[in-house]
Amino acid sequence: MARIDKRATVQRSKRRPRKCGYACGDETRMKIILAALEVFGARGFDGASTRMVAKKARVNLPALQYYFNGKEGVYLACADYIAGKVEERLLPAVEGIMHTLGGEEPSRQWLLDTLLGFLDEFTDLFVGDRELDRWILFICREQAQPSKACDIIFQRVMSRVARTCTLLVSRLLDLPDGDPRATVRALGLLGQILFFRLAREAPLRVLRWKDFEAKHLVVLKSALHEQIAAIFANEPDTAGRKRPARRTTRAKTFPRQQIPA
């Protein structure tokens, strides 16, 4: 994939479109972005063209130049859109957690419950939200061949999500901030969830589910809760003693015969 100029930024025209004239402003801009997400996801930056995007969005080709100043502008606008959608869902939780951690030392139970709740939100978004079908291939391509678009998504979203999860894990493990052992644990927890999105078809076939419906998300989150409770119940404290096991009532568990089909 050709590198996007690092100096490129998302171009937003200062010109105001005429009322329902040059394609009704924000509505048309969004049509182009949603179409571009699919085109770039399927073909990559090099394999896609502005003509393909315009055809998918059902707009005239000059509209892409008018709103985005060309192909690179459209591509970076896609990254900006993805970052904004994830921020809408996760940023309130991130800011609340960081505010609390920046004050008095919270209780261990608060840390555990907050970690579970944060991972629940992450699961609902990355596994349960079907809108991600539009842009998951775009993200995957940026992971394989990172460009300025990857920088936008990482800086605005993924770095903050990883940082929040890592801080909760480091406090639970009594490790100093920045300790790679906490970071690896946190990334491992997030990775378990992302597997069900990135390799979506495989677990659906194994489980014989048509989709990750609400009842199936309960099963996923319940299993994750049990794993986390077991992990942190057996971690030694700073004096080298094992902490007593703690029970959490956040997750609903199912006897094997009652797991939803």
Protein backbone atom coordinates (compact mmCIF):
# COMPACT_ATOMS: atom_id res chain seq x y z
CA MET A 1 0.00 0.00 0.00
CA ALA A 2 1.37 3.41 -0.89
CA ARG A 3 2.13 5.55 2.11
CA ILE A 4 -0.20 8.44 2.71
CA ASP A 5 1.67 11.70 3.18
CA LYS A 6 2.10 12.14 6.92
CA ARG A 7 1.41 15.83 6.47
CA ALA A 8 -1.99 15.10 5.03
CA THR A 9 -4.94 15.98 7.20
CA VAL A 10 -8.63 15.50 6.85
CA GLN A 11 -9.80 18.34 4.66
CA ARG A 12 -13.05 19.96 5.56
CA SER A 13 -14.21 22.57 3.09
CA LYS A 14 -15.01 25.96 4.52
CA ARG A 15 -17.49 26.51 1.74
CA ARG A 16 -21.12 26.12 2.71
CA PRO A 17 -23.09 24.03 0.20
CA ARG A 18 -26.19 25.62 -1.20
CA LYS A 19 -29.44 24.59 0.45
CA CYS A 20 -30.17 21.15 -0.97
CA GLY A 21 -27.89 22.31 -3.75
CA TYR A 22 -24.45 20.74 -4.02
CA ALA A 23 -25.64 17.54 -2.52
CA CYS A 24 -27.02 18.75 0.80
CA GLY A 25 -23.81 19.13 2.79
CA ASP A 26 -23.40 16.85 5.78
CA GLU A 27 -25.75 14.18 4.42
CA THR A 28 -23.77 13.77 1.25
CA ARG A 29 -20.46 13.91 3.09
CA MET A 30 -21.61 11.03 5.28
CA LYS A 31 -22.81 9.03 2.26
CA ILE A 32 -19.35 9.35 0.77
CA ILE A 33 -17.60 8.28 3.99
CA LEU A 34 -19.80 5.21 4.47
CA ALA A 35 -19.31 4.18 0.85
CA ALA A 36 -15.57 4.79 1.09
CA LEU A 37 -15.27 2.60 4.18
CA GLU A 38 -16.61 -0.34 2.19
CA VAL A 39 -14.56 0.38 -0.92
CA PHE A 40 -11.28 0.94 0.92
CA GLY A 41 -11.96 -2.03 3.18
CA ALA A 42 -12.50 -4.32 0.22
CA ARG A 43 -9.75 -2.98 -2.07
CA GLY A 44 -7.30 -1.08 0.09
CA PHE A 45 -6.04 2.42 -0.58
CA ASP A 46 -4.10 1.54 -3.72
CA GLY A 47 -6.81 -0.67 -5.22
CA ALA A 48 -9.62 1.83 -4.72
CA SER A 49 -10.36 4.91 -6.78
CA THR A 50 -12.42 8.00 -6.25
CA ARG A 51 -14.60 6.88 -9.15
CA MET A 52 -15.40 3.64 -7.28
CA VAL A 53 -16.26 5.57 -4.13
CA ALA A 54 -18.45 8.04 -6.01
CA LYS A 55 -20.30 5.21 -7.73
CA LYS A 56 -20.87 3.40 -4.43
CA ALA A 57 -22.10 6.61 -2.77
CA ARG A 58 -24.20 7.53 -5.84
CA VAL A 59 -22.73 11.00 -6.08
CA ASN A 60 -20.95 12.87 -8.83
CA LEU A 61 -17.18 12.44 -8.93
CA PRO A 62 -16.48 16.18 -8.35
CA ALA A 63 -18.27 15.92 -4.99
CA LEU A 64 -15.30 14.00 -3.52
CA GLN A 65 -12.94 16.80 -4.48
CA TYR A 66 -15.40 19.38 -3.18
CA TYR A 67 -15.78 17.80 0.26
CA PHE A 68 -12.44 16.03 0.79
CA ASN A 69 -9.88 17.45 -1.65
CA GLY A 70 -9.31 14.04 -3.21
CA LYS A 71 -8.62 10.42 -2.38
CA GLU A 72 -6.34 10.92 0.62
CA GLY A 73 -8.81 13.28 2.23
CA VAL A 74 -11.60 10.73 1.88
CA TYR A 75 -9.37 8.00 3.31
CA LEU A 76 -8.41 10.02 6.37
CA ALA A 77 -12.02 11.09 6.85
CA CYS A 78 -12.87 7.39 7.15
CA ALA A 79 -10.35 7.02 9.97
CA ASP A 80 -11.73 10.14 11.62
CA TYR A 81 -15.24 8.68 11.40
CA ILE A 82 -14.19 5.38 12.99
CA ALA A 83 -12.38 7.15 15.82
CA GLY A 84 -15.42 9.33 16.46
CA LYS A 85 -17.84 6.39 16.62
CA VAL A 86 -15.66 4.50 19.10
CA GLU A 87 -15.18 7.65 21.18
CA GLU A 88 -18.96 8.06 21.41
CA ARG A 89 -19.27 4.62 23.01
CA LEU A 90 -16.14 4.32 25.14
CA LEU A 91 -14.84 7.81 25.92
CA PRO A 92 -17.30 8.55 28.77
CA ALA A 93 -16.18 5.36 30.55
CA VAL A 94 -12.50 6.09 29.87
CA GLU A 95 -12.75 9.61 31.27
CA GLY A 96 -14.68 8.46 34.34
CA ILE A 97 -12.16 5.74 35.14
CA MET A 98 -9.16 8.00 34.64
CA HIS A 99 -10.71 10.66 36.87
CA THR A 100 -11.26 8.16 39.69
CA LEU A 101 -7.79 6.63 39.35
CA GLY A 102 -6.29 10.10 39.48
CA GLY A 103 -7.77 10.72 42.90
CA GLU A 104 -7.85 8.55 46.01
CA GLU A 105 -6.87 4.90 45.74
CA PRO A 106 -10.08 2.99 44.91
CA SER A 107 -10.97 -0.31 46.54
CA ARG A 108 -9.95 -3.58 44.99
CA GLN A 109 -13.60 -4.47 44.45
CA TRP A 110 -14.15 -1.21 42.58
CA LEU A 111 -11.16 -1.97 40.37
CA LEU A 112 -12.45 -5.44 39.55
CA ASP A 113 -16.03 -4.34 38.93
CA THR A 114 -14.89 -1.41 36.81
CA LEU A 115 -12.62 -3.62 34.71
CA LEU A 116 -15.49 -6.03 34.10
CA GLY A 117 -17.86 -3.20 33.19
CA PHE A 118 -15.35 -1.62 30.83
CA LEU A 119 -14.74 -4.92 29.04
CA ASP A 120 -18.51 -5.40 28.80
CA GLU A 121 -18.77 -2.08 26.95
CA PHE A 122 -15.88 -3.09 24.71
CA THR A 123 -17.60 -6.42 23.95
CA ASP A 124 -20.94 -4.79 23.17
CA LEU A 125 -19.25 -2.45 20.71
CA PHE A 126 -16.71 -4.69 18.98
CA VAL A 127 -18.70 -7.94 18.96
CA GLY A 128 -22.33 -6.92 19.25
CA ASP A 129 -22.56 -3.78 17.13
CA ARG A 130 -23.18 -4.69 13.50
CA GLU A 131 -22.13 -1.24 12.28
CA LEU A 132 -18.56 -2.46 12.64
CA ASP A 133 -19.21 -4.69 9.65
CA ARG A 134 -18.83 -1.52 7.58
CA TRP A 135 -15.34 -0.69 8.78
CA ILE A 136 -13.63 -3.71 10.33
CA LEU A 137 -11.77 -4.49 7.07
CA PHE A 138 -10.54 -0.90 6.97
CA ILE A 139 -9.05 -1.35 10.46
CA CYS A 140 -7.52 -4.72 9.57
CA ARG A 141 -5.79 -3.27 6.52
CA GLU A 142 -4.38 -0.44 8.61
CA GLN A 143 -2.99 -2.94 11.10
CA ALA A 144 -1.24 -4.79 8.28
CA GLN A 145 -0.01 -1.67 6.47
CA PRO A 146 -0.26 1.30 8.84
CA SER A 147 -0.55 4.81 7.50
CA LYS A 148 -1.68 8.20 8.80
CA ALA A 149 -5.16 6.68 9.17
CA CYS A 150 -3.76 4.15 11.66
CA ASP A 151 -2.21 7.03 13.61
CA ILE A 152 -5.61 8.74 13.89
CA ILE A 153 -7.39 5.63 15.18
CA PHE A 154 -4.57 4.65 17.53
CA GLN A 155 -4.04 8.07 19.08
CA ARG A 156 -7.70 8.93 19.53
CA VAL A 157 -9.04 5.53 20.53
CA MET A 158 -6.93 2.41 20.88
CA SER A 159 -4.11 3.94 22.92
CA ARG A 160 -6.64 5.34 25.39
CA VAL A 161 -8.56 2.07 25.64
CA ALA A 162 -5.35 0.11 26.19
CA ARG A 163 -4.08 2.66 28.72
CA THR A 164 -7.32 2.54 30.72
CA CYS A 165 -7.41 -1.25 30.80
CA THR A 166 -3.71 -1.41 31.70
CA LEU A 167 -4.09 0.96 34.64
CA LEU A 168 -6.93 -1.12 36.08
CA VAL A 169 -4.91 -4.31 35.66
CA SER A 170 -1.74 -2.79 37.16
CA ARG A 171 -3.65 -1.66 40.25
CA LEU A 172 -5.20 -5.11 40.64
CA LEU A 173 -1.75 -6.72 40.33
CA ASP A 174 -0.05 -4.13 42.56
CA LEU A 175 2.35 -3.32 39.75
CA PRO A 176 3.78 0.11 38.98
CA ASP A 177 2.31 2.11 36.11
CA GLY A 178 4.07 1.24 32.88
CA ASP A 179 5.06 -2.26 33.94
CA PRO A 180 4.94 -4.38 30.75
CA ARG A 181 3.48 -7.33 32.67
CA ALA A 182 0.31 -5.34 33.28
CA THR A 183 0.24 -4.10 29.69
CA VAL A 184 0.53 -7.61 28.29
CA ARG A 185 -2.26 -8.85 30.59
CA ALA A 186 -4.51 -5.97 29.55
CA LEU A 187 -3.86 -6.49 25.84
CA GLY A 188 -4.54 -10.19 26.31
CA LEU A 189 -7.97 -9.43 27.77
CA LEU A 190 -8.82 -7.07 24.94
CA GLY A 191 -7.48 -9.58 22.42
CA GLN A 192 -9.83 -12.29 23.65
CA ILE A 193 -12.75 -10.04 22.82
CA LEU A 194 -11.38 -8.89 19.48
CA PHE A 195 -11.00 -12.52 18.38
CA PHE A 196 -14.78 -12.84 18.24
CA ARG A 197 -14.90 -9.88 15.86
CA LEU A 198 -11.82 -10.43 13.70
CA ALA A 199 -12.40 -14.19 13.34
CA ARG A 200 -16.17 -13.80 13.59
CA GLU A 201 -17.24 -16.59 11.28
CA ALA A 202 -15.15 -19.30 12.97
CA PRO A 203 -16.63 -19.01 16.49
CA LEU A 204 -20.13 -18.58 15.08
CA ARG A 205 -19.78 -21.87 13.20
CA VAL A 206 -18.23 -23.68 16.15
CA LEU A 207 -21.01 -22.46 18.44
CA ARG A 208 -23.67 -22.99 15.76
CA TRP A 209 -24.98 -19.47 16.21
CA LYS A 210 -26.24 -17.32 13.36
CA ASP A 211 -25.04 -14.11 14.94
CA PHE A 212 -23.89 -12.69 18.27
CA GLU A 213 -27.30 -11.74 19.58
CA ALA A 214 -27.86 -10.20 23.01
CA LYS A 215 -28.31 -13.58 24.68
CA HIS A 216 -25.04 -14.80 23.17
CA LEU A 217 -23.17 -11.71 24.33
CA VAL A 218 -24.30 -12.58 27.87
CA VAL A 219 -22.60 -15.95 27.51
CA LEU A 220 -19.38 -14.38 26.20
CA LYS A 221 -19.25 -11.79 28.95
CA SER A 222 -20.06 -14.36 31.62
CA ALA A 223 -17.14 -16.53 30.53
CA LEU A 224 -14.82 -13.52 30.47
CA HIS A 225 -15.96 -12.48 33.95
CA GLU A 226 -15.21 -15.94 35.32
CA GLN A 227 -11.73 -15.93 33.77
CA ILE A 228 -10.91 -12.50 35.17
CA ALA A 229 -12.20 -13.36 38.63
CA ALA A 230 -10.05 -16.50 38.65
CA ILE A 231 -6.96 -14.66 37.39
CA PHE A 232 -7.00 -11.90 39.94
CA ALA A 233 -8.18 -14.06 42.82
CA ASN A 234 -4.96 -16.09 42.54
CA GLU A 235 -2.52 -13.22 42.11
CA PRO A 236 -0.12 -12.75 45.04
CA ASP A 237 -0.21 -9.41 46.84
CA THR A 238 2.87 -7.25 47.36
CA ALA A 239 3.88 -9.29 50.43
CA GLY A 240 3.86 -12.51 48.43
CA ARG A 241 0.63 -13.88 49.93
CA LYS A 242 -2.19 -15.16 47.79
CA ARG A 243 -5.24 -12.97 47.88
CA PRO A 244 -8.49 -14.70 48.90
CA ALA A 245 -10.82 -15.50 46.06
CA ARG A 246 -13.50 -12.90 45.48
CA ARG A 247 -16.89 -13.49 43.97
CA THR A 248 -18.55 -11.04 41.62
CA THR A 249 -22.27 -10.89 40.95
CA ARG A 250 -21.97 -8.83 37.78
CA ALA A 251 -22.01 -11.80 35.42
CA LYS A 252 -24.93 -14.16 34.99
CA THR A 253 -23.73 -17.74 34.60
CA PHE A 254 -25.61 -20.55 32.91
CA PRO A 255 -25.60 -24.26 33.68
CA ARG A 256 -24.40 -26.08 30.60
CA GLN A 257 -27.84 -27.27 29.58
CA GLN A 258 -29.26 -23.73 29.81
CA ILE A 259 -26.78 -21.92 27.56
CA PRO A 260 -28.82 -20.20 24.84
CA ALA A 261 -28.60 -21.73 21.38
